[in-house]
Amino acid sequence: MGVLDTVSELFGSGDQHYRFRCDDCGTEFAQRAATVEDLTCPECGAGAVRPAEAA
């Protein structure tokens, strides 16, 4: 999880964000989109993105 994701989770932005995970590199990230359609990993650019497991 990146620093911006952490700050956003701690302080909130008022917008609903959804957690996703890249199957290729394992990066977890937050996006405003509720579905994986047209999402790519911000770290490696792969399209193998799925909703992250709830902690």
Protein backbone atom coordinates (compact mmCIF):
# COMPACT_ATOMS: atom_id res chain seq x y z
CA MET A 1 0.00 0.00 0.00
CA GLY A 2 1.36 3.39 -0.95
CA VAL A 3 1.70 6.44 1.26
CA LEU A 4 -1.16 8.23 -0.49
CA ASP A 5 -3.44 5.22 0.02
CA THR A 6 -2.55 5.17 3.72
CA VAL A 7 -3.19 8.90 4.19
CA SER A 8 -6.45 8.66 2.27
CA GLU A 9 -7.63 5.77 4.46
CA LEU A 10 -6.64 7.54 7.69
CA PHE A 11 -8.13 10.94 6.93
CA GLY A 12 -10.70 10.11 4.28
CA SER A 13 -11.43 12.13 1.20
CA GLY A 14 -15.21 12.07 1.29
CA ASP A 15 -15.28 9.91 -1.84
CA GLN A 16 -15.96 6.17 -1.77
CA HIS A 17 -12.86 4.21 -2.75
CA TYR A 18 -12.65 0.51 -3.53
CA ARG A 19 -9.59 -1.69 -2.91
CA PHE A 20 -8.07 -3.68 -5.77
CA ARG A 21 -5.11 -6.04 -6.11
CA CYS A 22 -2.92 -6.76 -9.13
CA ASP A 23 -2.54 -10.49 -9.82
CA ASP A 24 0.76 -9.88 -11.66
CA CYS A 25 2.78 -7.87 -9.10
CA GLY A 26 0.61 -8.04 -5.94
CA THR A 27 0.19 -4.27 -5.56
CA GLU A 28 -2.92 -3.22 -3.65
CA PHE A 29 -4.43 0.15 -4.48
CA ALA A 30 -7.60 2.19 -4.09
CA GLN A 31 -9.74 3.55 -6.90
CA ARG A 32 -13.09 5.32 -7.08
CA ALA A 33 -14.31 2.78 -9.65
CA ALA A 34 -16.44 -0.02 -8.24
CA THR A 35 -15.55 -2.50 -11.00
CA VAL A 36 -12.32 -3.76 -12.54
CA GLU A 37 -13.46 -2.93 -16.07
CA ASP A 38 -10.75 -0.84 -17.77
CA LEU A 39 -8.58 -0.72 -14.60
CA THR A 40 -4.84 -1.26 -14.82
CA CYS A 41 -2.31 -1.59 -12.05
CA PRO A 42 -0.68 1.76 -11.22
CA GLU A 43 2.60 -0.03 -10.42
CA CYS A 44 3.16 -2.38 -13.38
CA GLY A 45 0.38 -1.44 -15.84
CA ALA A 46 -1.08 -4.95 -16.00
CA GLY A 47 -4.79 -5.45 -16.57
CA ALA A 48 -4.95 -8.48 -14.24
CA VAL A 49 -6.73 -6.54 -11.48
CA ARG A 50 -9.34 -7.90 -9.08
CA PRO A 51 -11.09 -6.67 -5.94
CA ALA A 52 -8.86 -7.02 -2.89
CA GLU A 53 -9.84 -9.40 -0.12
CA ALA A 54 -11.44 -7.73 2.87
CA ALA A 55 -9.09 -7.60 5.84
